[in-house]
Amino acid sequence: MAVFTCEKCGATIDTRCKPKKCAACGEQECMCKEEKPAAPKQGKK
C-alpha cells in the first residue's frame, strides 16, 4: 500500500496502484507517491 498526494489540491489516497486522476478535484496525472520512512526490521533472536 502507498499514499498518493494530489499536487493541485493536496488530497491523499491510500491505494496499491497509482490513480490516473484525483477523486477530489478531478485533475489528470497529478498524483505523486508520498514516501514513508521504512519501519525498522526486527532481527531473529
N, C-alpha and C. Protein backbone atom coordinates (compact mmCIF):
# COMPACT_ATOMS: atom_id res chain seq x y z
N MET A 1 0.84 -1.18 0.00
CA MET A 1 0.00 0.00 0.00
C MET A 1 0.89 1.25 0.00
N ALA A 2 0.43 2.26 -0.68
CA ALA A 2 1.17 3.51 -0.77
C ALA A 2 0.21 4.68 -0.62
N VAL A 3 0.73 5.80 -0.17
CA VAL A 3 -0.06 7.01 -0.03
C VAL A 3 0.28 7.93 -1.19
N PHE A 4 -0.74 8.34 -1.94
CA PHE A 4 -0.57 9.26 -3.06
C PHE A 4 -1.21 10.59 -2.69
N THR A 5 -0.51 11.69 -3.02
CA THR A 5 -0.98 13.03 -2.71
C THR A 5 -1.16 13.82 -4.00
N CYS A 6 -2.25 14.57 -4.11
CA CYS A 6 -2.51 15.40 -5.28
C CYS A 6 -1.65 16.66 -5.21
N GLU A 7 -0.97 16.99 -6.31
CA GLU A 7 -0.14 18.20 -6.36
C GLU A 7 -1.00 19.47 -6.39
N LYS A 8 -2.21 19.37 -6.90
CA LYS A 8 -3.07 20.55 -7.07
C LYS A 8 -3.84 20.91 -5.80
N CYS A 9 -4.55 19.92 -5.22
CA CYS A 9 -5.43 20.24 -4.08
C CYS A 9 -4.94 19.68 -2.74
N GLY A 10 -3.98 18.74 -2.77
CA GLY A 10 -3.43 18.19 -1.53
C GLY A 10 -4.18 17.00 -0.96
N ALA A 11 -5.17 16.49 -1.67
CA ALA A 11 -5.93 15.32 -1.21
C ALA A 11 -5.03 14.09 -1.19
N THR A 12 -5.25 13.17 -0.25
CA THR A 12 -4.45 11.96 -0.15
C THR A 12 -5.32 10.74 -0.35
N ILE A 13 -4.72 9.71 -0.97
CA ILE A 13 -5.39 8.43 -1.22
C ILE A 13 -4.42 7.31 -0.86
N ASP A 14 -4.88 6.32 -0.10
CA ASP A 14 -4.07 5.17 0.28
C ASP A 14 -4.51 3.99 -0.59
N THR A 15 -3.68 3.63 -1.58
CA THR A 15 -4.05 2.58 -2.52
C THR A 15 -2.81 1.85 -3.02
N ARG A 16 -3.00 0.74 -3.71
CA ARG A 16 -1.88 -0.02 -4.26
C ARG A 16 -1.38 0.56 -5.58
N CYS A 17 -2.32 0.92 -6.46
CA CYS A 17 -1.96 1.41 -7.79
C CYS A 17 -2.06 2.93 -7.85
N LYS A 18 -1.21 3.54 -8.69
CA LYS A 18 -1.23 4.98 -8.86
C LYS A 18 -2.53 5.40 -9.56
N PRO A 19 -3.31 6.29 -8.93
CA PRO A 19 -4.54 6.75 -9.56
C PRO A 19 -4.24 7.64 -10.77
N LYS A 20 -5.07 7.56 -11.82
CA LYS A 20 -4.88 8.38 -13.01
C LYS A 20 -5.36 9.80 -12.78
N LYS A 21 -6.40 9.97 -11.95
CA LYS A 21 -6.87 11.32 -11.66
C LYS A 21 -7.27 11.42 -10.20
N CYS A 22 -7.29 12.65 -9.71
CA CYS A 22 -7.64 12.92 -8.31
C CYS A 22 -9.15 12.79 -8.14
N ALA A 23 -9.59 12.09 -7.10
CA ALA A 23 -11.01 11.91 -6.83
C ALA A 23 -11.64 13.21 -6.30
N ALA A 24 -10.83 14.06 -5.67
CA ALA A 24 -11.36 15.29 -5.07
C ALA A 24 -11.53 16.41 -6.10
N CYS A 25 -10.48 16.70 -6.90
CA CYS A 25 -10.54 17.84 -7.82
C CYS A 25 -10.67 17.43 -9.29
N GLY A 26 -10.42 16.16 -9.64
CA GLY A 26 -10.59 15.68 -11.00
C GLY A 26 -9.42 15.94 -11.93
N GLU A 27 -8.31 16.49 -11.44
CA GLU A 27 -7.13 16.75 -12.28
C GLU A 27 -6.50 15.44 -12.73
N GLN A 28 -6.01 15.40 -13.97
CA GLN A 28 -5.36 14.21 -14.54
C GLN A 28 -3.86 14.24 -14.26
N GLU A 29 -3.26 13.07 -14.00
CA GLU A 29 -1.80 12.90 -13.85
C GLU A 29 -1.17 13.86 -12.83
N CYS A 30 -1.81 14.05 -11.69
CA CYS A 30 -1.26 14.95 -10.67
C CYS A 30 -0.98 14.24 -9.35
N MET A 31 -1.14 12.92 -9.32
CA MET A 31 -0.94 12.17 -8.08
C MET A 31 0.52 11.76 -7.93
N CYS A 32 1.14 12.12 -6.80
CA CYS A 32 2.54 11.80 -6.53
C CYS A 32 2.61 10.89 -5.30
N LYS A 33 3.53 9.93 -5.37
CA LYS A 33 3.70 8.99 -4.26
C LYS A 33 4.38 9.69 -3.10
N GLU A 34 3.81 9.52 -1.91
CA GLU A 34 4.36 10.09 -0.70
C GLU A 34 5.24 9.04 -0.04
N GLU A 35 6.51 9.34 0.14
CA GLU A 35 7.44 8.37 0.72
C GLU A 35 7.30 8.36 2.24
N LYS A 36 7.13 7.15 2.78
CA LYS A 36 7.07 6.96 4.22
C LYS A 36 8.40 6.39 4.69
N PRO A 37 8.87 6.78 5.87
CA PRO A 37 10.10 6.16 6.39
C PRO A 37 9.88 4.67 6.63
N ALA A 38 10.85 3.88 6.27
CA ALA A 38 10.75 2.43 6.42
C ALA A 38 10.76 2.05 7.90
N ALA A 39 9.97 1.07 8.24
CA ALA A 39 9.91 0.58 9.62
C ALA A 39 11.20 -0.20 9.91
N PRO A 40 11.74 -0.06 11.12
CA PRO A 40 12.95 -0.82 11.46
C PRO A 40 12.67 -2.31 11.43
N LYS A 41 13.59 -3.06 10.86
CA LYS A 41 13.41 -4.51 10.75
C LYS A 41 13.83 -5.19 12.05
N GLN A 42 13.08 -6.19 12.42
CA GLN A 42 13.37 -6.96 13.62
C GLN A 42 14.27 -8.14 13.24
N GLY A 43 15.38 -8.29 13.93
CA GLY A 43 16.28 -9.41 13.68
C GLY A 43 15.83 -10.65 14.43
N LYS A 44 16.28 -11.80 13.96
CA LYS A 44 15.94 -13.06 14.63
C LYS A 44 16.78 -13.19 15.89
N LYS A 45 16.18 -13.76 16.92
CA LYS A 45 16.90 -13.95 18.18
C LYS A 45 17.09 -15.41 18.46
